[in-house]
Amino acid sequence: MRPVPDTAAYLVGRWSIDRAVTDERSGARGTFVGTAVFRRTDDELLEMESGEFVWAGTANPASRTHRLVPRADGTVDVLFADGRPFHHLDLRTGRWHTRHPCAADRYDGEFTVVSQDEWHLLWRVEGPTKTQTLTSVYRRIHTVS
C-alpha cells in the first residue's frame, strides 16, 4: 500500500485494465481488457475507459466515462458522465473504501495503491437480482518519446 497525497495528479495518464467479473450466484465469469485515460479538462479530470468485455463466450466493445473533481485536500469527487455523484475517493493512505447505492443494489468499493504505476479496484455488488465481484488491476502505460 502506497500513500498518494494528490489523487488527481496520481491518476493522470494512460492505464491498462485487466478486470475479472464473477456472478456469485451462477458462478459465471467474464473479463474486461482495455485502457483508462485520465486527462485534465479545465478544473476536472475526465476518465475514459474502453476495451472488450467477454461474457459467456461473447465479446463486445465496452466503454464508460467518469468525471473527477479534485478537492484542495488531495481527494476527488467521482461523478458519472452526466454529473450525478458516484463516490468520493481519498488515496492519501493508499487505501480507500466507499459505498454507492444504485437503485436496489449496493456497490462496495475498495481502492488500493500498490505502487506509482499500479493500483487495484474491487467492487462487490449486492442486490435483489445480482451478486457480483469485479476485480480490476490498473497498470500505468508509459509512453516512449
Protein backbone atom coordinates (compact mmCIF):
# COMPACT_ATOMS: atom_id res chain seq x y z
CA MET A 1 0.00 0.00 0.00
CA ARG A 2 1.43 3.37 -1.03
CA PRO A 3 0.09 6.74 0.18
CA VAL A 4 -0.88 9.23 -2.54
CA PRO A 5 -1.02 12.88 -1.40
CA ASP A 6 -2.77 14.09 -4.59
CA THR A 7 -5.25 11.62 -6.10
CA ALA A 8 -5.83 13.59 -9.31
CA ALA A 9 -2.12 14.04 -10.03
CA TYR A 10 -1.52 10.32 -9.45
CA LEU A 11 -4.25 9.22 -11.87
CA VAL A 12 -3.37 11.48 -14.83
CA GLY A 13 -2.20 9.39 -17.77
CA ARG A 14 -2.97 6.09 -19.51
CA TRP A 15 -3.58 2.83 -17.66
CA SER A 16 -4.13 -0.72 -18.88
CA ILE A 17 -7.05 -2.51 -17.22
CA ASP A 18 -7.44 -6.22 -16.56
CA ARG A 19 -10.80 -6.96 -14.92
CA ALA A 20 -12.41 -10.21 -13.81
CA VAL A 21 -16.18 -10.23 -13.30
CA THR A 22 -17.84 -13.02 -11.33
CA ASP A 23 -21.54 -13.60 -10.86
CA GLU A 24 -21.54 -15.09 -7.36
CA ARG A 25 -24.99 -16.68 -7.76
CA SER A 26 -24.46 -18.55 -11.02
CA GLY A 27 -20.68 -18.85 -10.98
CA ALA A 28 -20.50 -17.27 -14.45
CA ARG A 29 -17.28 -15.39 -15.17
CA GLY A 30 -16.29 -12.69 -17.59
CA THR A 31 -13.34 -10.45 -18.38
CA PHE A 32 -12.73 -6.90 -19.47
CA VAL A 33 -9.41 -5.90 -21.04
CA GLY A 34 -8.84 -2.31 -22.07
CA THR A 35 -7.44 1.07 -21.15
CA ALA A 36 -8.38 4.01 -18.99
CA VAL A 37 -7.22 7.51 -19.88
CA PHE A 38 -7.36 10.20 -17.19
CA ARG A 39 -6.87 13.65 -18.70
CA ARG A 40 -7.27 17.15 -17.35
CA THR A 41 -10.13 19.26 -18.68
CA ASP A 42 -10.37 22.71 -17.12
CA ASP A 43 -10.77 22.05 -13.39
CA GLU A 44 -11.65 18.34 -13.66
CA LEU A 45 -10.22 15.03 -14.77
CA LEU A 46 -12.06 13.07 -17.41
CA GLU A 47 -11.72 9.29 -17.18
CA MET A 48 -12.46 7.45 -20.41
CA GLU A 49 -12.40 3.67 -20.20
CA SER A 50 -12.70 1.44 -23.27
CA GLY A 51 -11.98 -2.14 -24.19
CA GLU A 52 -13.53 -5.55 -24.77
CA PHE A 53 -15.91 -7.29 -22.38
CA VAL A 54 -16.22 -11.07 -22.74
CA TRP A 55 -19.20 -12.75 -21.06
CA ALA A 56 -20.49 -16.27 -21.71
CA GLY A 57 -18.08 -16.58 -24.63
CA THR A 58 -19.33 -13.45 -26.37
CA ALA A 59 -17.03 -10.45 -26.84
CA ASN A 60 -18.43 -6.93 -27.07
CA PRO A 61 -16.89 -3.47 -27.05
CA ALA A 62 -17.45 -1.68 -23.74
CA SER A 63 -16.79 1.84 -22.51
CA ARG A 64 -17.64 4.27 -19.73
CA THR A 65 -16.76 7.79 -18.70
CA HIS A 66 -16.41 9.42 -15.28
CA ARG A 67 -15.64 12.97 -14.22
CA LEU A 68 -13.32 13.54 -11.26
CA VAL A 69 -13.46 16.84 -9.41
CA PRO A 70 -10.29 17.50 -7.36
CA ARG A 71 -10.55 18.93 -3.85
CA ALA A 72 -7.93 21.11 -2.15
CA ASP A 73 -7.11 18.31 0.33
CA GLY A 74 -5.83 15.94 -2.40
CA THR A 75 -9.01 13.89 -2.71
CA VAL A 76 -11.53 13.83 -5.57
CA ASP A 77 -15.27 13.50 -6.05
CA VAL A 78 -16.10 10.97 -8.76
CA LEU A 79 -19.15 11.75 -10.88
CA PHE A 80 -20.91 9.87 -13.63
CA ALA A 81 -20.53 11.42 -17.10
CA ASP A 82 -23.86 13.24 -16.69
CA GLY A 83 -22.73 14.88 -13.41
CA ARG A 84 -24.59 12.64 -10.95
CA PRO A 85 -22.50 11.82 -7.86
CA PHE A 86 -20.85 8.39 -7.75
CA HIS A 87 -18.45 8.37 -4.79
CA HIS A 88 -15.63 10.20 -3.01
CA LEU A 89 -12.03 8.97 -3.49
CA ASP A 90 -9.24 9.55 -0.98
CA LEU A 91 -5.95 7.78 -1.66
CA ARG A 92 -3.88 9.68 0.93
CA THR A 93 -3.33 6.48 2.97
CA GLY A 94 -3.03 4.28 -0.13
CA ARG A 95 -6.36 2.56 0.52
CA TRP A 96 -9.97 3.75 0.30
CA HIS A 97 -13.33 2.11 0.98
CA THR A 98 -16.53 3.54 -0.46
CA ARG A 99 -20.18 2.63 -0.89
CA HIS A 100 -22.58 3.60 -3.67
CA PRO A 101 -26.30 2.80 -3.58
CA CYS A 102 -27.67 2.21 -7.08
CA ALA A 103 -31.44 1.64 -7.13
CA ALA A 104 -31.91 -1.59 -5.16
CA ASP A 105 -28.22 -2.56 -5.48
CA ARG A 106 -25.30 -1.66 -3.24
CA TYR A 107 -21.76 -1.23 -4.58
CA ASP A 108 -18.93 -1.54 -2.04
CA GLY A 109 -15.57 -0.47 -3.45
CA GLU A 110 -12.02 -0.86 -2.24
CA PHE A 111 -9.16 1.03 -3.90
CA THR A 112 -5.57 0.02 -3.13
CA VAL A 113 -2.46 1.78 -4.45
CA VAL A 114 0.26 -0.84 -4.96
CA SER A 115 2.95 1.40 -6.46
CA GLN A 116 3.44 4.56 -8.51
CA ASP A 117 2.41 2.53 -11.55
CA GLU A 118 -0.23 0.11 -10.25
CA TRP A 119 -3.50 0.22 -8.33
CA HIS A 120 -6.29 -2.26 -7.71
CA LEU A 121 -10.04 -1.82 -7.50
CA LEU A 122 -12.50 -4.32 -6.03
CA TRP A 123 -16.25 -3.79 -6.31
CA ARG A 124 -18.69 -6.07 -4.50
CA VAL A 125 -22.23 -5.68 -5.81
CA GLU A 126 -25.22 -6.91 -3.80
CA GLY A 127 -28.84 -6.59 -4.83
CA PRO A 128 -32.08 -8.43 -5.32
CA THR A 129 -31.18 -9.56 -8.84
CA LYS A 130 -27.37 -9.73 -8.75
CA THR A 131 -24.41 -10.53 -6.58
CA GLN A 132 -21.16 -9.79 -8.40
CA THR A 133 -17.49 -9.24 -7.75
CA LEU A 134 -15.43 -7.07 -10.10
CA THR A 135 -11.67 -7.21 -9.56
CA SER A 136 -9.55 -4.77 -11.59
CA VAL A 137 -5.81 -4.20 -11.90
CA TYR A 138 -4.70 -0.86 -13.39
CA ARG A 139 -1.10 -0.53 -14.65
CA ARG A 140 0.36 2.72 -15.93
CA ILE A 141 1.25 2.78 -19.62
CA HIS A 142 4.48 4.67 -20.12
CA THR A 143 4.86 6.32 -23.50
CA VAL A 144 8.27 6.45 -25.12
CA SER A 145 9.13 9.87 -26.58
